[in-house]
Every structure is written in C-alpha cells, then in structure tokens.
Amino acid sequence: MLRRIASIALFSLALSGCGFWGGSEEVQPNKLVDFTAEKKVVVRWSANIGGDLGDKFHQMTPAISGDSIFAASVDGAVSSFNVETGSKLWSVDLDVALLAGVGAGISNLAVATQSGVIICLDATTGAELWRKQVSSEVVAAPQLNNQIVVAQLINGQIVALDLQSGVQRWVYDSLAPRLTLRGTSSPIVAADVTLAGLDNGKFVALDNESGSVLWEQNVSLAQGRSELERMTDVDGRPLLFENVVYIAGFQGNLVAINPFNAQTLWAKKMSSYHSLAAGFGNIYVSESVGHVQALDARSAASVWRQDQLENRQITAPAVIGNAVAVGDSEGYVHFLSQIDGHFVARYDTGSRLVGDMKVKGSTLYALTDAGRLLALTLN
C-alpha cells in the first residue's frame, strides 16, 4: 500500500517499506496458509500482451467489450484477444510509454501516456483515431460511452473529450489535497451522467453534456492532526449494483448512495483504495491492510472477513461463480467462498498482480506484471 503514497502540489515524498510509520523494519506479508482445495483452477489460455508492466506503481488493467479483451503494456503495446480462445486479433505499437490501463467502449478504446496524452483507437482494428494532450497525468483507465471519453487527472480534474474528434467538451475542477495516494479512481460513464470519486474524499455526479455538478456527497471526511492521517482518497472505481452506487475511501467509509436522489443509504467505517465487487447480495471489499470483507448490500452488516491475506498488497476483488478472487504482490490468485470467506483454491501466476481482474461469464482474466494475460476458470 505504501508504494501508492505520493504528495502533490507543494512537496513530494518517497516512501519504501513501513519504517515511515515509526518502525525500523518493513512489515512482512502474511505467509500463505495451508488449506484443502475444494476447486481446481484451470488455465483456459494464456497470452503475451507484447510487453510488461514494469515494477513501478501503475493501475494497468485489461478491458472487455463484446467478444474481445484488450490489454496494454507500459512501453506502448496494445493488443486485442478473443475472450474465448485467447487468439490475438490485432496488436499495435503506439511508440510511447503508457501509464493507464485500457478503457473500452462498444467500438473504441482509450489509453493514456505517461506524459498525459489520451489516445483513442478503433476497437476492431487497433487503428489510431486521435491523440489529445491533457493538463496532467492520467493514471487510471479513461472510460467511454458512445459520445465522450472521460479521464480523471492526477491534479484533480475530470476531462471529457469528444469520442469522434478528441476535442475537449468540458473540464470539472476539484481541489486536490496536498498529500494523496498515488492514483485516482476511474469513473462510471453512463449515457447522461458521469460518477466519480475524488482525492478529496468526495463523490460527484456530473452532467455529460456540460460537466456541471448534479450532486455531490462526502465519502470520507479528513480526520487527524497530520496530513497522513487526513488522507481520504477515493481511488477505487464506483460500483453500480441493483440501482445503488457503492464507493469506498481510504481511511474513510464505504458508502451506499441512491444515484437518483443523491441520498446516502448507509455508511460503514472502512479503509480501501480498491474497486468493489458484488454477489450473493453482498458487497466485497479489499481493505487497505489486506483483509477481504463481505458486507450485506442493504444493511452494511458484516457477513464475513478473511484476514489471512494481511499485508500481501491484494488487488480489488472479483466475483467468479461462487467465489471471490483477489490477486497479490507475489502473483497468487486466491479464491474465497462467497458464503463465508474460506479459501477454496489458489493459483500462482508467477508474477505480481496489481490491476483489477476482470470477469466474463465463468472466466476470470488476470494481467500480470510480466505481461501475461491469463484466462482462469474454477472446476
């Protein structure tokens, strides 16, 4: 988690290990626990995406649209694969360093470079359609509907670009705190509205035509004396589940919001910088300390908590069948029962897992830092 911490605006910090918090020794991840596997992990296919993701901070994630899955490497390779067979449909080299993962719409893709350029591609052929320089880094995947590409910038802005031309439609400005986690949320871009979590702990709904604020809510309120204690970033992607939006904040809350009237349905004290998942009537959270927790979606009551992955720098959860899957910094994918959180299977991918994993049907897709895209099923 500490590798995500970065300051902006007035100063910067370089952190390694956990000695910064007052100890001289780096906190070690929990050792893997032994268990009797109830499920077998099957690799349906594995493919090289044309480059790797490096060992620095990133939020590189694949994206699925229709029968294709798209992935990008940090050195500019973007590839498309058939979700069923893993056969490569196309691959292009953008000849530029990328920082954000792939955002996919019906017929277009968007990626972002390390210098803050958003690139739009044709999803069928990989042909480049346009490039647009924005005012700051884009570290989370841009998102698309059939009219606009929306990106959250590290400086607190949210920018909407015309899907066809790349011309800027609007910019929303938020006040970014002096000290934030390294990273941003990735918005939900619906037909009429964009929903986004911000580094200042707020959650906003923006009109897609004008960028004007329809409503905003506080996910987390800054508390504590030091700036470290007062960090309240919302870095995970919002989750829309059964017409309710769920969003989690670092050192803050997990909040359920009715998006139609901006009413907060409930708020639960929680610290997470990850996206969420849902299933069996539960909301699944990867907490910042490495615990995985299931909460009742309607009441926020805790259903179960799995604490055996503490300090393993786990990924966001993903629901596959009757299981919840999380990856970790040593390359393991852990499969937990949706019922009570016990381990049902484990698979070693061989390389660090950081970005969100994706699910389509009964298949889990994981992108490793070594640049391998794997399609996994549970039998």
Protein backbone atom coordinates (compact mmCIF):
# COMPACT_ATOMS: atom_id res chain seq x y z
CA MET A 1 0.00 0.00 0.00
CA LEU A 2 2.74 2.46 0.85
CA ARG A 3 4.04 2.44 -2.71
CA ARG A 4 0.83 4.29 -3.60
CA ILE A 5 1.50 7.24 -1.34
CA ALA A 6 2.62 10.38 -3.11
CA SER A 7 2.29 14.06 -2.36
CA ILE A 8 1.29 16.68 -4.86
CA ALA A 9 1.20 20.49 -5.13
CA LEU A 10 3.71 21.65 -2.51
CA PHE A 11 6.00 18.72 -1.83
CA SER A 12 6.71 15.09 -2.66
CA LEU A 13 7.63 12.07 -0.58
CA ALA A 14 9.44 8.89 -1.50
CA LEU A 15 8.42 6.02 0.73
CA SER A 16 9.72 2.50 0.88
CA GLY A 17 8.66 -0.09 3.37
CA CYS A 18 6.80 0.82 6.51
CA GLY A 19 9.53 2.43 8.57
CA PHE A 20 7.98 5.78 7.67
CA TRP A 21 5.17 4.98 10.08
CA GLY A 22 7.52 4.74 13.07
CA GLY A 23 9.09 1.30 12.82
CA SER A 24 12.53 0.45 11.53
CA GLU A 25 11.59 -2.86 9.95
CA GLU A 26 9.45 -3.33 6.91
CA VAL A 27 6.16 -5.10 7.56
CA GLN A 28 6.20 -8.55 6.01
CA PRO A 29 3.20 -10.07 4.23
CA ASN A 30 1.35 -12.89 5.93
CA LYS A 31 2.62 -16.31 4.95
CA LEU A 32 0.39 -18.40 2.76
CA VAL A 33 -1.94 -20.57 4.81
CA ASP A 34 -2.38 -24.26 4.09
CA PHE A 35 -5.84 -25.47 3.13
CA THR A 36 -7.51 -28.30 1.27
CA ALA A 37 -8.50 -27.04 -2.16
CA GLU A 38 -12.16 -27.56 -2.98
CA LYS A 39 -11.86 -26.28 -6.53
CA LYS A 40 -9.33 -26.76 -9.31
CA VAL A 41 -8.03 -23.72 -11.18
CA VAL A 42 -7.87 -24.34 -14.92
CA VAL A 43 -5.93 -22.09 -17.31
CA ARG A 44 -8.15 -21.79 -20.37
CA TRP A 45 -5.49 -19.79 -22.18
CA SER A 46 -2.51 -17.56 -21.61
CA ALA A 47 -1.12 -14.88 -23.92
CA ASN A 48 1.75 -12.41 -24.06
CA ILE A 49 0.46 -8.84 -24.45
CA GLY A 50 3.63 -7.64 -26.21
CA GLY A 51 5.44 -6.07 -23.25
CA ASP A 52 5.42 -5.97 -19.46
CA LEU A 53 4.01 -3.64 -16.81
CA GLY A 54 7.28 -2.96 -15.00
CA ASP A 55 7.83 -2.92 -11.25
CA LYS A 56 6.75 0.67 -10.52
CA PHE A 57 3.32 1.89 -9.46
CA HIS A 58 0.64 1.51 -12.10
CA GLN A 59 -3.10 0.96 -12.47
CA MET A 60 -2.87 -1.04 -15.70
CA THR A 61 -5.95 -3.18 -16.16
CA PRO A 62 -7.42 -5.03 -19.15
CA ALA A 63 -10.86 -4.20 -20.54
CA ILE A 64 -13.57 -6.39 -22.04
CA SER A 65 -16.02 -5.37 -24.76
CA GLY A 66 -18.13 -7.90 -26.61
CA ASP A 67 -16.05 -10.93 -27.51
CA SER A 68 -12.71 -9.14 -27.14
CA ILE A 69 -10.38 -8.39 -24.25
CA PHE A 70 -7.83 -5.60 -24.58
CA ALA A 71 -4.56 -5.08 -22.69
CA ALA A 72 -1.69 -2.60 -22.84
CA SER A 73 1.94 -2.65 -21.70
CA VAL A 74 3.91 0.28 -20.30
CA ASP A 75 6.07 0.51 -23.43
CA GLY A 76 3.10 1.18 -25.69
CA ALA A 77 1.93 -2.20 -26.97
CA VAL A 78 -1.86 -2.55 -27.13
CA SER A 79 -3.38 -5.89 -28.08
CA SER A 80 -6.79 -7.44 -28.59
CA PHE A 81 -7.62 -11.10 -27.90
CA ASN A 82 -10.67 -13.27 -28.32
CA VAL A 83 -12.10 -13.84 -24.82
CA GLU A 84 -12.94 -17.48 -25.51
CA THR A 85 -9.81 -18.74 -27.25
CA GLY A 86 -7.10 -16.20 -26.45
CA SER A 87 -6.25 -15.84 -30.12
CA LYS A 88 -4.70 -12.48 -30.92
CA LEU A 89 -6.98 -10.34 -33.07
CA TRP A 90 -4.58 -7.42 -33.51
CA SER A 91 -1.65 -5.68 -31.87
CA VAL A 92 -0.29 -2.15 -32.31
CA ASP A 93 2.78 -0.34 -31.01
CA LEU A 94 1.96 3.24 -30.07
CA ASP A 95 5.66 4.03 -29.66
CA VAL A 96 5.06 5.87 -26.39
CA ALA A 97 5.15 4.96 -22.68
CA LEU A 98 1.69 4.24 -21.25
CA LEU A 99 0.59 4.78 -17.67
CA ALA A 100 -3.12 3.97 -17.51
CA GLY A 101 -4.89 0.78 -18.49
CA VAL A 102 -7.38 0.34 -21.29
CA GLY A 103 -10.87 1.81 -21.31
CA ALA A 104 -13.21 0.12 -23.77
CA GLY A 105 -16.49 1.19 -25.32
CA ILE A 106 -18.60 -0.51 -27.98
CA SER A 107 -16.34 0.39 -30.89
CA ASN A 108 -13.45 2.41 -29.42
CA LEU A 109 -10.63 2.11 -26.90
CA ALA A 110 -8.75 4.75 -24.92
CA VAL A 111 -5.35 4.63 -23.21
CA ALA A 112 -3.21 7.34 -21.61
CA THR A 113 0.51 8.04 -21.84
CA GLN A 114 2.97 8.93 -19.10
CA SER A 115 3.06 12.50 -20.44
CA GLY A 116 -0.71 12.98 -20.18
CA VAL A 117 -1.80 12.24 -23.74
CA ILE A 118 -5.05 10.34 -24.27
CA ILE A 119 -5.07 8.10 -27.33
CA CYS A 120 -8.25 6.75 -28.92
CA LEU A 121 -8.16 3.57 -31.02
CA ASP A 122 -10.61 1.65 -33.17
CA ALA A 123 -11.58 -1.46 -31.18
CA THR A 124 -11.92 -3.66 -34.26
CA THR A 125 -8.60 -2.91 -35.95
CA GLY A 126 -6.43 -1.04 -33.42
CA ALA A 127 -6.12 1.89 -35.81
CA GLU A 128 -5.31 5.16 -34.06
CA LEU A 129 -8.09 7.73 -34.34
CA TRP A 130 -6.70 10.70 -32.39
CA ARG A 131 -4.40 11.92 -29.62
CA LYS A 132 -5.18 14.68 -27.14
CA GLN A 133 -2.84 16.30 -24.60
CA VAL A 134 -4.47 17.00 -21.22
CA SER A 135 -3.16 19.10 -18.35
CA SER A 136 -1.77 16.35 -16.10
CA GLU A 137 -1.10 12.62 -15.72
CA VAL A 138 -3.90 10.11 -16.21
CA VAL A 139 -3.08 7.07 -14.07
CA ALA A 140 -6.45 5.26 -14.20
CA ALA A 141 -8.08 3.96 -17.37
CA PRO A 142 -10.23 6.51 -19.23
CA GLN A 143 -13.88 5.48 -19.63
CA LEU A 144 -16.18 5.82 -22.63
CA ASN A 145 -19.77 5.94 -23.70
CA ASN A 146 -20.93 6.41 -27.30
CA GLN A 147 -20.23 10.16 -27.25
CA ILE A 148 -17.37 11.04 -24.89
CA VAL A 149 -14.14 9.79 -23.37
CA VAL A 150 -13.79 10.76 -19.69
CA ALA A 151 -10.50 10.74 -17.81
CA GLN A 152 -9.59 11.61 -14.22
CA LEU A 153 -6.33 13.52 -13.90
CA ILE A 154 -3.85 13.41 -11.05
CA ASN A 155 -4.33 17.18 -10.49
CA GLY A 156 -7.99 16.68 -9.52
CA GLN A 157 -9.57 17.48 -12.88
CA ILE A 158 -12.06 15.34 -14.76
CA VAL A 159 -11.92 15.90 -18.53
CA ALA A 160 -14.45 14.89 -21.17
CA LEU A 161 -13.31 14.61 -24.80
CA ASP A 162 -15.43 14.11 -27.89
CA LEU A 163 -15.28 10.44 -28.87
CA GLN A 164 -15.03 11.14 -32.59
CA SER A 165 -12.58 14.05 -32.66
CA GLY A 166 -10.86 14.27 -29.27
CA VAL A 167 -11.99 17.89 -28.89
CA GLN A 168 -12.45 18.87 -25.26
CA ARG A 169 -16.12 19.03 -24.27
CA TRP A 170 -15.73 20.15 -20.64
CA VAL A 171 -13.48 20.12 -17.57
CA TYR A 172 -14.51 19.67 -13.94
CA ASP A 173 -12.06 21.02 -11.34
CA SER A 174 -11.74 19.75 -7.79
CA LEU A 175 -9.34 20.86 -5.11
CA ALA A 176 -6.73 18.13 -4.72
CA PRO A 177 -5.23 17.72 -1.23
CA ARG A 178 -1.51 18.32 -0.71
CA LEU A 179 -0.94 14.66 0.19
CA THR A 180 -2.70 11.86 -1.66
CA LEU A 181 -2.30 8.24 -2.61
CA ARG A 182 -0.56 7.74 -5.93
CA GLY A 183 -3.51 7.02 -8.17
CA THR A 184 -7.07 8.06 -8.96
CA SER A 185 -10.44 6.48 -9.33
CA SER A 186 -11.77 5.52 -12.75
CA PRO A 187 -15.27 6.95 -13.36
CA ILE A 188 -18.52 5.33 -14.38
CA VAL A 189 -19.64 6.97 -17.62
CA ALA A 190 -23.32 6.30 -18.26
CA ALA A 191 -25.43 7.75 -21.07
CA ASP A 192 -26.27 11.00 -19.28
CA VAL A 193 -24.07 11.18 -16.20
CA THR A 194 -20.51 10.55 -15.04
CA LEU A 195 -19.98 9.27 -11.49
CA ALA A 196 -16.55 9.80 -9.99
CA GLY A 197 -14.71 9.54 -6.67
CA LEU A 198 -12.12 12.21 -5.87
CA ASP A 199 -8.90 12.50 -3.91
CA ASN A 200 -10.57 14.94 -1.51
CA GLY A 201 -12.96 12.24 -0.31
CA LYS A 202 -15.97 13.42 -2.32
CA PHE A 203 -18.14 11.59 -4.82
CA VAL A 204 -19.72 13.59 -7.63
CA ALA A 205 -22.30 13.14 -10.35
CA LEU A 206 -21.58 15.26 -13.44
CA ASP A 207 -23.85 16.07 -16.37
CA ASN A 208 -22.33 14.58 -19.52
CA GLU A 209 -23.42 17.48 -21.70
CA SER A 210 -21.92 20.31 -19.69
CA GLY A 211 -19.81 18.83 -16.90
CA SER A 212 -21.92 20.67 -14.32
CA VAL A 213 -22.36 19.10 -10.89
CA LEU A 214 -25.70 17.35 -10.46
CA TRP A 215 -24.91 16.38 -6.89
CA GLU A 216 -22.01 15.52 -4.61
CA GLN A 217 -21.55 13.54 -1.41
CA ASN A 218 -18.75 13.11 1.09
CA VAL A 219 -17.46 9.56 1.15
CA SER A 220 -14.81 10.38 3.74
CA LEU A 221 -14.10 13.38 5.94
CA ALA A 222 -10.49 14.23 6.78
CA GLN A 223 -9.66 13.50 10.41
CA GLY A 224 -6.49 13.63 12.46
CA ARG A 225 -3.68 16.11 13.02
CA SER A 226 -1.13 15.09 10.41
CA GLU A 227 -1.62 15.14 6.65
CA LEU A 228 -1.01 11.39 6.56
CA GLU A 229 -3.87 10.85 9.00
CA ARG A 230 -6.09 13.19 6.98
CA MET A 231 -5.73 11.42 3.62
CA THR A 232 -9.19 10.49 2.37
CA ASP A 233 -8.67 9.45 -1.25
CA VAL A 234 -11.32 7.68 -3.26
CA ASP A 235 -9.18 5.63 -5.67
CA GLY A 236 -11.35 2.60 -6.41
CA ARG A 237 -13.89 2.61 -9.23
CA PRO A 238 -17.52 3.10 -8.12
CA LEU A 239 -19.75 0.02 -8.23
CA LEU A 240 -23.32 0.17 -9.52
CA PHE A 241 -25.24 -2.79 -8.08
CA GLU A 242 -29.03 -3.12 -8.15
CA ASN A 243 -29.52 0.60 -8.76
CA VAL A 244 -27.32 1.63 -5.84
CA VAL A 245 -23.83 3.11 -6.15
CA TYR A 246 -21.19 1.85 -3.71
CA ILE A 247 -17.88 3.61 -3.22
CA ALA A 248 -15.04 3.18 -0.70
CA GLY A 249 -12.49 5.66 0.57
CA PHE A 250 -9.02 5.33 2.04
CA GLN A 251 -9.10 5.96 5.80
CA GLY A 252 -12.78 6.74 5.41
CA ASN A 253 -16.04 4.96 4.68
CA LEU A 254 -17.75 2.53 2.39
CA VAL A 255 -20.89 4.38 1.30
CA ALA A 256 -24.09 3.29 -0.42
CA ILE A 257 -25.77 6.08 -2.40
CA ASN A 258 -29.06 6.24 -4.28
CA PRO A 259 -27.86 7.85 -7.54
CA PHE A 260 -31.34 9.11 -8.45
CA ASN A 261 -31.78 11.41 -5.45
CA ALA A 262 -28.21 11.53 -4.02
CA GLN A 263 -29.43 10.04 -0.73
CA THR A 264 -26.83 8.25 1.36
CA LEU A 265 -28.40 4.92 2.31
CA TRP A 266 -25.66 3.88 4.69
CA ALA A 267 -22.01 4.48 5.51
CA LYS A 268 -19.63 1.97 7.09
CA LYS A 269 -16.23 2.86 8.53
CA MET A 270 -13.74 1.27 6.16
CA SER A 271 -10.35 1.92 4.57
CA SER A 272 -9.87 0.83 0.98
CA TYR A 273 -8.31 2.23 -2.18
CA HIS A 274 -9.71 -0.52 -4.40
CA SER A 275 -12.69 -1.07 -6.64
CA LEU A 276 -15.53 -3.19 -5.24
CA ALA A 277 -17.37 -6.33 -6.33
CA ALA A 278 -20.85 -7.71 -5.64
CA GLY A 279 -22.56 -11.10 -5.45
CA PHE A 280 -24.91 -13.17 -3.27
CA GLY A 281 -26.41 -9.88 -2.03
CA ASN A 282 -23.03 -8.82 -0.65
CA ILE A 283 -20.53 -6.07 -1.39
CA TYR A 284 -16.92 -7.33 -1.34
CA VAL A 285 -14.11 -5.05 -0.24
CA SER A 286 -10.32 -5.41 -0.28
CA GLU A 287 -9.31 -3.37 2.74
CA SER A 288 -6.08 -1.38 2.69
CA VAL A 289 -4.49 -3.73 5.28
CA GLY A 290 -5.16 -6.75 3.07
CA HIS A 291 -8.33 -8.12 4.66
CA VAL A 292 -11.22 -9.13 2.41
CA GLN A 293 -14.65 -8.36 3.81
CA ALA A 294 -18.20 -9.14 2.73
CA LEU A 295 -20.93 -6.69 3.74
CA ASP A 296 -24.66 -7.05 3.29
CA ALA A 297 -25.53 -4.71 0.41
CA ARG A 298 -28.74 -3.48 2.03
CA SER A 299 -27.77 -3.12 5.68
CA ALA A 300 -23.94 -2.85 5.68
CA ALA A 301 -23.80 -5.65 8.24
CA SER A 302 -20.55 -7.61 8.11
CA VAL A 303 -21.16 -11.09 6.71
CA TRP A 304 -17.55 -12.33 6.95
CA ARG A 305 -13.95 -11.15 6.96
CA GLN A 306 -10.89 -13.04 5.70
CA ASP A 307 -7.75 -11.69 7.43
CA GLN A 308 -5.19 -14.28 6.31
CA LEU A 309 -4.01 -12.11 3.39
CA GLU A 310 -2.88 -9.22 5.56
CA ASN A 311 -0.06 -7.10 4.08
CA ARG A 312 0.01 -9.11 0.85
CA GLN A 313 -0.94 -6.00 -1.19
CA ILE A 314 -4.03 -7.61 -2.62
CA THR A 315 -5.97 -6.44 -5.66
CA ALA A 316 -9.60 -5.45 -5.90
CA PRO A 317 -11.99 -8.39 -5.51
CA ALA A 318 -13.65 -10.05 -8.50
CA VAL A 319 -16.63 -12.42 -8.34
CA ILE A 320 -16.40 -15.66 -10.31
CA GLY A 321 -19.09 -18.29 -9.83
CA ASN A 322 -19.50 -18.96 -6.11
CA ALA A 323 -16.11 -17.48 -5.30
CA VAL A 324 -14.44 -14.12 -4.73
CA ALA A 325 -10.96 -13.78 -6.23
CA VAL A 326 -8.13 -11.44 -5.25
CA GLY A 327 -4.55 -11.35 -6.53
CA ASP A 328 -1.46 -10.35 -4.57
CA SER A 329 2.02 -8.88 -4.98
CA GLU A 330 3.64 -12.33 -5.13
CA GLY A 331 1.49 -13.37 -8.08
CA TYR A 332 -1.03 -15.61 -6.34
CA VAL A 333 -4.74 -15.54 -7.11
CA HIS A 334 -6.75 -16.50 -4.03
CA PHE A 335 -10.30 -17.80 -4.40
CA LEU A 336 -12.59 -17.39 -1.38
CA SER A 337 -16.06 -18.74 -0.76
CA GLN A 338 -18.75 -16.11 -1.20
CA ILE A 339 -20.64 -17.75 1.67
CA ASP A 340 -18.11 -17.48 4.49
CA GLY A 341 -14.77 -16.35 3.01
CA HIS A 342 -12.80 -19.57 3.48
CA PHE A 343 -10.17 -20.45 0.86
CA VAL A 344 -11.39 -22.78 -1.88
CA ALA A 345 -8.49 -22.56 -4.37
CA ARG A 346 -5.22 -20.79 -5.15
CA TYR A 347 -3.18 -20.30 -8.32
CA ASP A 348 0.36 -19.00 -8.79
CA THR A 349 0.64 -16.81 -11.90
CA GLY A 350 4.38 -16.36 -11.40
CA SER A 351 4.40 -12.55 -11.38
CA ARG A 352 2.99 -9.64 -9.36
CA LEU A 353 -0.69 -8.82 -9.73
CA VAL A 354 -1.73 -5.19 -9.22
CA GLY A 355 -4.53 -4.09 -11.55
CA ASP A 356 -8.17 -5.07 -11.29
CA MET A 357 -9.00 -8.53 -12.60
CA LYS A 358 -11.97 -8.90 -14.97
CA VAL A 359 -14.72 -11.49 -15.21
CA LYS A 360 -16.91 -12.51 -18.11
CA GLY A 361 -19.24 -15.45 -17.65
CA SER A 362 -17.36 -18.13 -15.74
CA THR A 363 -13.86 -16.91 -16.66
CA LEU A 364 -11.51 -14.68 -14.65
CA TYR A 365 -8.95 -12.61 -16.58
CA ALA A 366 -5.75 -11.56 -14.80
CA LEU A 367 -2.91 -9.43 -16.18
CA THR A 368 0.48 -9.95 -14.54
CA ASP A 369 3.35 -7.50 -14.33
CA ALA A 370 5.32 -9.82 -16.60
CA GLY A 371 2.84 -9.06 -19.38
CA ARG A 372 0.93 -12.34 -19.33
CA LEU A 373 -2.83 -12.27 -19.72
CA LEU A 374 -4.44 -15.37 -18.25
CA ALA A 375 -7.98 -16.73 -18.55
CA LEU A 376 -8.81 -18.84 -15.47
CA THR A 377 -11.82 -20.95 -14.57
CA LEU A 378 -12.78 -22.91 -11.46
CA ASN A 379 -13.80 -26.56 -11.76
